Amino acid sequence: MQEYIRKRVLDIGTYILESSATVRQTADVFGVSKSTVHKDVTERLPLVNEKLSMEVKHILETNKAERHIRGGEATRKKYQEL
């Protein structure tokens, strides 16, 4: 793995851990695609830092479980503004 990718993987993992950010939010902050963020945290991070990987995985699972709530809030907000 190239050094800049290794650094990005660690930076992304640390960012998600500290901010509980979603994959989409993280992609916006780092200027990469959602696919890149997902691949970094699911495939590359376990190879670089197993402990961080497990903690990030837990946060992403929580985000996934709550996404239907966030989607409903966004829709409600959209129609309240009209």
PDB file of N, CA and C in Angstrom:
ATOM      1  N   MET A   1       0.854  -1.177   0.000  1.00  0.00           N
ATOM      2  CA  MET A   1       0.000   0.000   0.000  1.00  0.00           C
ATOM      3  C   MET A   1       0.899   1.238   0.000  1.00  0.00           C
ATOM      4  N   GLN A   2       0.560   2.187  -0.846  1.00  0.00           N
ATOM      5  CA  GLN A   2       1.361   3.406  -0.931  1.00  0.00           C
ATOM      6  C   GLN A   2       1.182   4.245   0.328  1.00  0.00           C
ATOM      7  N   GLU A   3       2.193   5.014   0.655  1.00  0.00           N
ATOM      8  CA  GLU A   3       2.211   5.760   1.917  1.00  0.00           C
ATOM      9  C   GLU A   3       1.089   6.786   2.006  1.00  0.00           C
ATOM     10  N   TYR A   4       0.778   7.478   0.889  1.00  0.00           N
ATOM     11  CA  TYR A   4      -0.283   8.482   0.958  1.00  0.00           C
ATOM     12  C   TYR A   4      -1.652   7.829   1.194  1.00  0.00           C
ATOM     13  N   ILE A   5      -1.846   6.628   0.678  1.00  0.00           N
ATOM     14  CA  ILE A   5      -3.101   5.913   0.921  1.00  0.00           C
ATOM     15  C   ILE A   5      -3.169   5.477   2.375  1.00  0.00           C
ATOM     16  N   ARG A   6      -2.057   4.967   2.882  1.00  0.00           N
ATOM     17  CA  ARG A   6      -1.995   4.541   4.291  1.00  0.00           C
ATOM     18  C   ARG A   6      -2.326   5.717   5.220  1.00  0.00           C
ATOM     19  N   LYS A   7      -1.761   6.883   4.926  1.00  0.00           N
ATOM     20  CA  LYS A   7      -2.020   8.069   5.749  1.00  0.00           C
ATOM     21  C   LYS A   7      -3.490   8.477   5.646  1.00  0.00           C
ATOM     22  N   ARG A   8      -4.050   8.462   4.440  1.00  0.00           N
ATOM     23  CA  ARG A   8      -5.461   8.818   4.258  1.00  0.00           C
ATOM     24  C   ARG A   8      -6.368   7.869   5.025  1.00  0.00           C
ATOM     25  N   VAL A   9      -6.052   6.569   4.978  1.00  0.00           N
ATOM     26  CA  VAL A   9      -6.855   5.573   5.680  1.00  0.00           C
ATOM     27  C   VAL A   9      -6.864   5.864   7.175  1.00  0.00           C
ATOM     28  N   LEU A  10      -5.702   6.141   7.740  1.00  0.00           N
ATOM     29  CA  LEU A  10      -5.622   6.448   9.169  1.00  0.00           C
ATOM     30  C   LEU A  10      -6.336   7.758   9.500  1.00  0.00           C
ATOM     31  N   ASP A  11      -6.182   8.765   8.638  1.00  0.00           N
ATOM     32  CA  ASP A  11      -6.853  10.049   8.857  1.00  0.00           C
ATOM     33  C   ASP A  11      -8.371   9.887   8.808  1.00  0.00           C
ATOM     34  N   ILE A  12      -8.857   9.138   7.842  1.00  0.00           N
ATOM     35  CA  ILE A  12     -10.300   8.911   7.717  1.00  0.00           C
ATOM     36  C   ILE A  12     -10.828   8.145   8.926  1.00  0.00           C
ATOM     37  N   GLY A  13     -10.130   7.101   9.329  1.00  0.00           N
ATOM     38  CA  GLY A  13     -10.550   6.327  10.496  1.00  0.00           C
ATOM     39  C   GLY A  13     -10.601   7.173  11.756  1.00  0.00           C
ATOM     40  N   THR A  14      -9.585   7.990  11.951  1.00  0.00           N
ATOM     41  CA  THR A  14      -9.539   8.863  13.128  1.00  0.00           C
ATOM     42  C   THR A  14     -10.658   9.896  13.084  1.00  0.00           C
ATOM     43  N   TYR A  15     -10.910  10.455  11.905  1.00  0.00           N
ATOM     44  CA  TYR A  15     -11.968  11.455  11.760  1.00  0.00           C
ATOM     45  C   TYR A  15     -13.339  10.855  12.096  1.00  0.00           C
ATOM     46  N   ILE A  16     -13.615   9.679  11.570  1.00  0.00           N
ATOM     47  CA  ILE A  16     -14.906   9.038  11.836  1.00  0.00           C
ATOM     48  C   ILE A  16     -15.039   8.730  13.327  1.00  0.00           C
ATOM     49  N   LEU A  17     -13.959   8.269  13.934  1.00  0.00           N
ATOM     50  CA  LEU A  17     -13.990   7.936  15.356  1.00  0.00           C
ATOM     51  C   LEU A  17     -14.258   9.173  16.209  1.00  0.00           C
ATOM     52  N   GLU A  18     -13.604  10.288  15.886  1.00  0.00           N
ATOM     53  CA  GLU A  18     -13.742  11.498  16.696  1.00  0.00           C
ATOM     54  C   GLU A  18     -15.064  12.215  16.474  1.00  0.00           C
ATOM     55  N   SER A  19     -15.605  12.154  15.255  1.00  0.00           N
ATOM     56  CA  SER A  19     -16.794  12.947  14.940  1.00  0.00           C
ATOM     57  C   SER A  19     -18.061  12.119  14.746  1.00  0.00           C
ATOM     58  N   SER A  20     -17.947  10.810  14.737  1.00  0.00           N
ATOM     59  CA  SER A  20     -19.086   9.917  14.444  1.00  0.00           C
ATOM     60  C   SER A  20     -19.736  10.280  13.116  1.00  0.00           C
ATOM     61  N   ALA A  21     -18.926  10.691  12.161  1.00  0.00           N
ATOM     62  CA  ALA A  21     -19.426  11.132  10.861  1.00  0.00           C
ATOM     63  C   ALA A  21     -19.877   9.943  10.020  1.00  0.00           C
ATOM     64  N   THR A  22     -20.779  10.223   9.101  1.00  0.00           N
ATOM     65  CA  THR A  22     -21.220   9.210   8.152  1.00  0.00           C
ATOM     66  C   THR A  22     -20.199   9.114   7.022  1.00  0.00           C
ATOM     67  N   VAL A  23     -20.333   8.092   6.198  1.00  0.00           N
ATOM     68  CA  VAL A  23     -19.444   7.922   5.046  1.00  0.00           C
ATOM     69  C   VAL A  23     -19.573   9.130   4.119  1.00  0.00           C
ATOM     70  N   ARG A  24     -20.776   9.598   3.899  1.00  0.00           N
ATOM     71  CA  ARG A  24     -21.006  10.742   3.007  1.00  0.00           C
ATOM     72  C   ARG A  24     -20.353  12.014   3.558  1.00  0.00           C
ATOM     73  N   GLN A  25     -20.512  12.272   4.852  1.00  0.00           N
ATOM     74  CA  GLN A  25     -19.896  13.448   5.465  1.00  0.00           C
ATOM     75  C   GLN A  25     -18.376  13.366   5.390  1.00  0.00           C
ATOM     76  N   THR A  26     -17.842  12.186   5.643  1.00  0.00           N
ATOM     77  CA  THR A  26     -16.398  11.986   5.605  1.00  0.00           C
ATOM     78  C   THR A  26     -15.868  12.198   4.193  1.00  0.00           C
ATOM     79  N   ALA A  27     -16.589  11.695   3.200  1.00  0.00           N
ATOM     80  CA  ALA A  27     -16.172  11.863   1.804  1.00  0.00           C
ATOM     81  C   ALA A  27     -16.113  13.345   1.442  1.00  0.00           C
ATOM     82  N   ASP A  28     -17.074  14.122   1.901  1.00  0.00           N
ATOM     83  CA  ASP A  28     -17.080  15.556   1.621  1.00  0.00           C
ATOM     84  C   ASP A  28     -15.878  16.250   2.255  1.00  0.00           C
ATOM     85  N   VAL A  29     -15.558  15.887   3.492  1.00  0.00           N
ATOM     86  CA  VAL A  29     -14.443  16.524   4.205  1.00  0.00           C
ATOM     87  C   VAL A  29     -13.108  16.212   3.539  1.00  0.00           C
ATOM     88  N   PHE A  30     -12.918  14.966   3.120  1.00  0.00           N
ATOM     89  CA  PHE A  30     -11.635  14.544   2.557  1.00  0.00           C
ATOM     90  C   PHE A  30     -11.555  14.714   1.040  1.00  0.00           C
ATOM     91  N   GLY A  31     -12.652  15.075   0.401  1.00  0.00           N
ATOM     92  CA  GLY A  31     -12.640  15.309  -1.034  1.00  0.00           C
ATOM     93  C   GLY A  31     -12.454  14.048  -1.855  1.00  0.00           C
ATOM     94  N   VAL A  32     -12.978  12.941  -1.361  1.00  0.00           N
ATOM     95  CA  VAL A  32     -12.929  11.671  -2.090  1.00  0.00           C
ATOM     96  C   VAL A  32     -14.352  11.144  -2.223  1.00  0.00           C
ATOM     97  N   SER A  33     -14.515  10.068  -2.987  1.00  0.00           N
ATOM     98  CA  SER A  33     -15.858   9.510  -3.178  1.00  0.00           C
ATOM     99  C   SER A  33     -16.275   8.666  -1.976  1.00  0.00           C
ATOM    100  N   LYS A  34     -17.580   8.432  -1.890  1.00  0.00           N
ATOM    101  CA  LYS A  34     -18.100   7.562  -0.828  1.00  0.00           C
ATOM    102  C   LYS A  34     -17.527   6.157  -0.977  1.00  0.00           C
ATOM    103  N   SER A  35     -17.350   5.710  -2.204  1.00  0.00           N
ATOM    104  CA  SER A  35     -16.778   4.385  -2.454  1.00  0.00           C
ATOM    105  C   SER A  35     -15.367   4.281  -1.904  1.00  0.00           C
ATOM    106  N   THR A  36     -14.584   5.340  -2.065  1.00  0.00           N
ATOM    107  CA  THR A  36     -13.215   5.349  -1.556  1.00  0.00           C
ATOM    108  C   THR A  36     -13.211   5.270  -0.034  1.00  0.00           C
ATOM    109  N   VAL A  37     -14.063   6.062   0.604  1.00  0.00           N
ATOM    110  CA  VAL A  37     -14.146   6.039   2.068  1.00  0.00           C
ATOM    111  C   VAL A  37     -14.549   4.650   2.529  1.00  0.00           C
ATOM    112  N   HIS A  38     -15.551   4.075   1.892  1.00  0.00           N
ATOM    113  CA  HIS A  38     -16.028   2.755   2.290  1.00  0.00           C
ATOM    114  C   HIS A  38     -14.927   1.709   2.129  1.00  0.00           C
ATOM    115  N   LYS A  39     -14.230   1.733   1.002  1.00  0.00           N
ATOM    116  CA  LYS A  39     -13.148   0.777   0.779  1.00  0.00           C
ATOM    117  C   LYS A  39     -12.024   0.987   1.783  1.00  0.00           C
ATOM    118  N   ASP A  40     -11.713   2.246   2.076  1.00  0.00           N
ATOM    119  CA  ASP A  40     -10.662   2.536   3.048  1.00  0.00           C
ATOM    120  C   ASP A  40     -10.983   1.960   4.427  1.00  0.00           C
ATOM    121  N   VAL A  41     -12.209   2.134   4.892  1.00  0.00           N
ATOM    122  CA  VAL A  41     -12.521   1.694   6.257  1.00  0.00           C
ATOM    123  C   VAL A  41     -12.871   0.214   6.353  1.00  0.00           C
ATOM    124  N   THR A  42     -13.321  -0.397   5.260  1.00  0.00           N
ATOM    125  CA  THR A  42     -13.692  -1.810   5.350  1.00  0.00           C
ATOM    126  C   THR A  42     -12.585  -2.760   4.928  1.00  0.00           C
ATOM    127  N   GLU A  43     -11.762  -2.342   3.967  1.00  0.00           N
ATOM    128  CA  GLU A  43     -10.723  -3.243   3.455  1.00  0.00           C
ATOM    129  C   GLU A  43      -9.313  -2.851   3.888  1.00  0.00           C
ATOM    130  N   ARG A  44      -9.007  -1.571   3.815  1.00  0.00           N
ATOM    131  CA  ARG A  44      -7.627  -1.146   4.071  1.00  0.00           C
ATOM    132  C   ARG A  44      -7.340  -0.903   5.542  1.00  0.00           C
ATOM    133  N   LEU A  45      -8.283  -0.317   6.275  1.00  0.00           N
ATOM    134  CA  LEU A  45      -8.040   0.008   7.683  1.00  0.00           C
ATOM    135  C   LEU A  45      -7.739  -1.220   8.534  1.00  0.00           C
ATOM    136  N   PRO A  46      -8.429  -2.351   8.345  1.00  0.00           N
ATOM    137  CA  PRO A  46      -8.077  -3.534   9.147  1.00  0.00           C
ATOM    138  C   PRO A  46      -6.636  -3.996   8.938  1.00  0.00           C
ATOM    139  N   LEU A  47      -6.079  -3.737   7.770  1.00  0.00           N
ATOM    140  CA  LEU A  47      -4.699  -4.117   7.505  1.00  0.00           C
ATOM    141  C   LEU A  47      -3.710  -3.175   8.182  1.00  0.00           C
ATOM    142  N   VAL A  48      -4.135  -1.925   8.380  1.00  0.00           N
ATOM    143  CA  VAL A  48      -3.246  -0.908   8.942  1.00  0.00           C
ATOM    144  C   VAL A  48      -3.364  -0.842  10.462  1.00  0.00           C
ATOM    145  N   ASN A  49      -4.603  -0.825  10.982  1.00  0.00           N
ATOM    146  CA  ASN A  49      -4.822  -0.681  12.423  1.00  0.00           C
ATOM    147  C   ASN A  49      -6.104  -1.415  12.807  1.00  0.00           C
ATOM    148  N   GLU A  50      -5.958  -2.598  13.331  1.00  0.00           N
ATOM    149  CA  GLU A  50      -7.109  -3.464  13.654  1.00  0.00           C
ATOM    150  C   GLU A  50      -8.016  -2.851  14.723  1.00  0.00           C
ATOM    151  N   LYS A  51      -7.427  -2.273  15.759  1.00  0.00           N
ATOM    152  CA  LYS A  51      -8.221  -1.701  16.862  1.00  0.00           C
ATOM    153  C   LYS A  51      -9.067  -0.533  16.367  1.00  0.00           C
ATOM    154  N   LEU A  52      -8.447   0.383  15.640  1.00  0.00           N
ATOM    155  CA  LEU A  52      -9.174   1.523  15.084  1.00  0.00           C
ATOM    156  C   LEU A  52     -10.270   1.037  14.139  1.00  0.00           C
ATOM    157  N   SER A  53      -9.968   0.012  13.379  1.00  0.00           N
ATOM    158  CA  SER A  53     -10.932  -0.544  12.438  1.00  0.00           C
ATOM    159  C   SER A  53     -12.199  -1.033  13.151  1.00  0.00           C
ATOM    160  N   MET A  54     -12.030  -1.717  14.258  1.00  0.00           N
ATOM    161  CA  MET A  54     -13.184  -2.229  15.005  1.00  0.00           C
ATOM    162  C   MET A  54     -14.029  -1.088  15.568  1.00  0.00           C
ATOM    163  N   GLU A  55     -13.380  -0.046  16.056  1.00  0.00           N
ATOM    164  CA  GLU A  55     -14.110   1.097  16.612  1.00  0.00           C
ATOM    165  C   GLU A  55     -14.876   1.840  15.512  1.00  0.00           C
ATOM    166  N   VAL A  56     -14.245   2.018  14.372  1.00  0.00           N
ATOM    167  CA  VAL A  56     -14.896   2.696  13.246  1.00  0.00           C
ATOM    168  C   VAL A  56     -16.060   1.855  12.728  1.00  0.00           C
ATOM    169  N   LYS A  57     -15.876   0.553  12.671  1.00  0.00           N
ATOM    170  CA  LYS A  57     -16.941  -0.341  12.209  1.00  0.00           C
ATOM    171  C   LYS A  57     -18.175  -0.205  13.087  1.00  0.00           C
ATOM    172  N   HIS A  58     -17.967  -0.095  14.384  1.00  0.00           N
ATOM    173  CA  HIS A  58     -19.091   0.063  15.314  1.00  0.00           C
ATOM    174  C   HIS A  58     -19.843   1.376  15.039  1.00  0.00           C
ATOM    175  N   ILE A  59     -19.110   2.449  14.805  1.00  0.00           N
ATOM    176  CA  ILE A  59     -19.740   3.747  14.511  1.00  0.00           C
ATOM    177  C   ILE A  59     -20.523   3.674  13.214  1.00  0.00           C
ATOM    178  N   LEU A  60     -19.946   3.062  12.186  1.00  0.00           N
ATOM    179  CA  LEU A  60     -20.641   2.968  10.903  1.00  0.00           C
ATOM    180  C   LEU A  60     -21.892   2.097  10.991  1.00  0.00           C
ATOM    181  N   GLU A  61     -21.842   1.052  11.796  1.00  0.00           N
ATOM    182  CA  GLU A  61     -23.039   0.227  12.001  1.00  0.00           C
ATOM    183  C   GLU A  61     -24.133   1.024  12.699  1.00  0.00           C
ATOM    184  N   THR A  62     -23.750   1.844  13.665  1.00  0.00           N
ATOM    185  CA  THR A  62     -24.716   2.704  14.346  1.00  0.00           C
ATOM    186  C   THR A  62     -25.329   3.697  13.365  1.00  0.00           C
ATOM    187  N   ASN A  63     -24.482   4.313  12.537  1.00  0.00           N
ATOM    188  CA  ASN A  63     -24.982   5.257  11.529  1.00  0.00           C
ATOM    189  C   ASN A  63     -25.948   4.573  10.569  1.00  0.00           C
ATOM    190  N   LYS A  64     -25.613   3.350  10.184  1.00  0.00           N
ATOM    191  CA  LYS A  64     -26.474   2.616   9.258  1.00  0.00           C
ATOM    192  C   LYS A  64     -27.827   2.311   9.899  1.00  0.00           C
ATOM    193  N   ALA A  65     -27.811   1.976  11.174  1.00  0.00           N
ATOM    194  CA  ALA A  65     -29.059   1.669  11.881  1.00  0.00           C
ATOM    195  C   ALA A  65     -29.931   2.912  12.036  1.00  0.00           C
ATOM    196  N   GLU A  66     -29.316   4.086  12.076  1.00  0.00           N
ATOM    197  CA  GLU A  66     -30.063   5.327  12.289  1.00  0.00           C
ATOM    198  C   GLU A  66     -30.396   6.071  11.001  1.00  0.00           C
ATOM    199  N   ARG A  67     -29.956   5.579   9.865  1.00  0.00           N
ATOM    200  CA  ARG A  67     -30.105   6.369   8.640  1.00  0.00           C
ATOM    201  C   ARG A  67     -31.557   6.596   8.249  1.00  0.00           C
ATOM    202  N   HIS A  68     -32.443   5.669   8.550  1.00  0.00           N
ATOM    203  CA  HIS A  68     -33.844   5.877   8.192  1.00  0.00           C
ATOM    204  C   HIS A  68     -34.438   7.046   8.974  1.00  0.00           C
ATOM    205  N   ILE A  69     -33.928   7.300  10.164  1.00  0.00           N
ATOM    206  CA  ILE A  69     -34.401   8.426  10.968  1.00  0.00           C
ATOM    207  C   ILE A  69     -33.918   9.733  10.353  1.00  0.00           C
ATOM    208  N   ARG A  70     -32.631   9.787   9.987  1.00  0.00           N
ATOM    209  CA  ARG A  70     -32.086  11.002   9.374  1.00  0.00           C
ATOM    210  C   ARG A  70     -32.787  11.311   8.057  1.00  0.00           C
ATOM    211  N   GLY A  71     -33.101  10.289   7.289  1.00  0.00           N
ATOM    212  CA  GLY A  71     -33.801  10.491   6.024  1.00  0.00           C
ATOM    213  C   GLY A  71     -35.180  11.076   6.238  1.00  0.00           C
ATOM    214  N   GLY A  72     -35.881  10.588   7.240  1.00  0.00           N
ATOM    215  CA  GLY A  72     -37.204  11.114   7.557  1.00  0.00           C
ATOM    216  C   GLY A  72     -37.153  12.554   8.014  1.00  0.00           C
ATOM    217  N   GLU A  73     -36.149  12.889   8.785  1.00  0.00           N
ATOM    218  CA  GLU A  73     -35.994  14.269   9.248  1.00  0.00           C
ATOM    219  C   GLU A  73     -35.712  15.205   8.079  1.00  0.00           C
ATOM    220  N   ALA A  74     -34.883  14.763   7.137  1.00  0.00           N
ATOM    221  CA  ALA A  74     -34.561  15.594   5.979  1.00  0.00           C
ATOM    222  C   ALA A  74     -35.802  15.848   5.137  1.00  0.00           C
ATOM    223  N   THR A  75     -36.638  14.839   4.951  1.00  0.00           N
ATOM    224  CA  THR A  75     -37.857  14.991   4.173  1.00  0.00           C
ATOM    225  C   THR A  75     -38.828  15.936   4.871  1.00  0.00           C
ATOM    226  N   ARG A  76     -38.978  15.768   6.176  1.00  0.00           N
ATOM    227  CA  ARG A  76     -39.880  16.640   6.935  1.00  0.00           C
ATOM    228  C   ARG A  76     -39.411  18.091   6.843  1.00  0.00           C
ATOM    229  N   LYS A  77     -38.118  18.312   7.000  1.00  0.00           N
ATOM    230  CA  LYS A  77     -37.563  19.659   6.935  1.00  0.00           C
ATOM    231  C   LYS A  77     -37.791  20.272   5.547  1.00  0.00           C
ATOM    232  N   LYS A  78     -37.615  19.445   4.517  1.00  0.00           N
ATOM    233  CA  LYS A  78     -37.792  19.915   3.141  1.00  0.00           C
ATOM    234  C   LYS A  78     -39.201  20.441   2.930  1.00  0.00           C
ATOM    235  N   TYR A  79     -40.200  19.731   3.424  1.00  0.00           N
ATOM    236  CA  TYR A  79     -41.571  20.136   3.179  1.00  0.00           C
ATOM    237  C   TYR A  79     -42.058  21.205   4.155  1.00  0.00           C
ATOM    238  N   GLN A  80     -41.396  21.347   5.288  1.00  0.00           N
ATOM    239  CA  GLN A  80     -41.757  22.433   6.204  1.00  0.00           C
ATOM    240  C   GLN A  80     -41.318  23.777   5.653  1.00  0.00           C
ATOM    241  N   GLU A  81     -40.248  23.782   4.861  1.00  0.00           N
ATOM    242  CA  GLU A  81     -39.736  25.010   4.295  1.00  0.00           C
ATOM    243  C   GLU A  81     -40.606  25.558   3.168  1.00  0.00           C
ATOM    244  N   LEU A  82     -41.440  24.710   2.562  1.00  0.00           N
ATOM    245  CA  LEU A  82     -42.281  25.161   1.441  1.00  0.00           C
ATOM    246  C   LEU A  82     -43.439  25.998   1.868  1.00  0.00           C
TER     247      LEU A  82
END
